[in-house]
Each structure stands twice: as C-alpha cells, then as structure tokens.
C-alpha cells in the first residue's frame, strides 16, 4: 500500500519535526537537495563539491567543518 506524499510528510513531522529532506546523489557525484513544498518537492541542483558538503553537514552536523 502506497501512502500519498503529503500524508507521509505530515506523519513524519508529527514524529520527528520539520527536518524532512532528501539528498539524491548522481553517479558523477553531483546531485539534488530536495525539500517538500506542499504536495510537491522543490529540488536544488548541487555540484560535486556542494553535494559532499551537504552530505557531511547532514550526517555529522556543522561541527564537522570546524578546524582543529
């Protein structure tokens, strides 16, 4: 059984807050950062370097960018 996107996002927000997003990585290392916009998704195209930074930020947080 498939759940419509708006209902899935609403259920997720009730459980985890507003942090819904998707990072889609292409074979060349570039990709897309997708966030919900009502019943649709907005996507921002990311270069390879931007995708690497987004992955590190989402997985490890901004603290990963701090130097020693």
Protein backbone atom coordinates (compact mmCIF):
# COMPACT_ATOMS: atom_id res chain seq x y z
CA UNK A 1 0.00 0.00 0.00
CA UNK A 2 1.42 3.37 -1.01
CA UNK A 3 0.94 6.48 1.11
CA UNK A 4 0.46 9.86 -0.61
CA UNK A 5 3.44 12.22 -0.12
CA UNK A 6 1.56 14.93 1.86
CA UNK A 7 0.28 12.36 4.37
CA UNK A 8 3.71 10.75 4.71
CA UNK A 9 5.35 14.14 5.36
CA UNK A 10 2.65 15.10 7.88
CA UNK A 11 3.12 11.79 9.72
CA UNK A 12 6.91 12.25 9.72
CA UNK A 13 6.63 15.82 11.06
CA UNK A 14 4.42 14.68 13.92
CA UNK A 15 7.07 12.11 14.85
CA UNK A 16 10.35 13.87 14.12
CA UNK A 17 9.76 17.60 13.49
CA UNK A 18 10.23 19.59 10.27
CA UNK A 19 13.54 18.07 9.15
CA UNK A 20 12.24 16.28 6.04
CA UNK A 21 14.67 16.34 3.10
CA UNK A 22 16.28 14.08 0.51
CA UNK A 23 19.78 14.13 -0.94
CA UNK A 24 19.94 12.40 -4.31
CA UNK A 25 23.48 11.58 -5.45
CA UNK A 26 24.16 11.10 -9.17
CA UNK A 27 26.94 8.78 -10.45
CA UNK A 28 29.24 11.75 -11.16
CA UNK A 29 29.00 12.95 -7.55
CA UNK A 30 26.66 15.87 -8.25
CA UNK A 31 23.08 15.68 -7.08
CA UNK A 32 19.94 17.29 -5.75
CA UNK A 33 18.80 18.57 -2.36
CA UNK A 34 15.02 18.07 -2.22
CA UNK A 35 12.60 19.55 0.31
CA UNK A 36 8.79 19.35 0.44
CA UNK A 37 6.72 22.24 -0.85
CA UNK A 38 3.08 21.43 -0.18
CA UNK A 39 2.19 18.38 -2.26
CA UNK A 40 5.33 18.72 -4.42
CA UNK A 41 9.08 18.68 -3.88
CA UNK A 42 11.49 21.54 -4.57
CA UNK A 43 14.91 20.45 -5.80
CA UNK A 44 18.17 22.39 -5.83
CA UNK A 45 20.92 21.14 -8.15
CA UNK A 46 24.25 20.66 -6.33
CA UNK A 47 27.73 20.38 -7.80
CA UNK A 48 30.03 17.57 -6.66
CA UNK A 49 31.68 19.82 -4.04
CA UNK A 50 28.32 21.15 -2.81
CA UNK A 51 26.99 17.58 -2.55
CA UNK A 52 30.00 16.48 -0.50
CA UNK A 53 29.50 19.46 1.85
CA UNK A 54 25.75 18.75 2.13
CA UNK A 55 26.36 15.08 2.99
CA UNK A 56 28.92 15.94 5.67
CA UNK A 57 26.63 18.65 7.12
CA UNK A 58 23.53 16.40 7.21
CA UNK A 59 25.36 13.37 8.61
CA UNK A 60 27.84 14.97 11.04
CA UNK A 61 26.42 18.48 11.53
CA UNK A 62 28.14 21.82 11.15
CA UNK A 63 30.75 20.87 13.76
CA UNK A 64 32.44 18.71 11.09
CA UNK A 65 33.51 21.88 9.25
CA UNK A 66 35.34 23.36 12.22
CA UNK A 67 39.13 23.21 12.16
CA UNK A 68 41.28 21.89 14.98
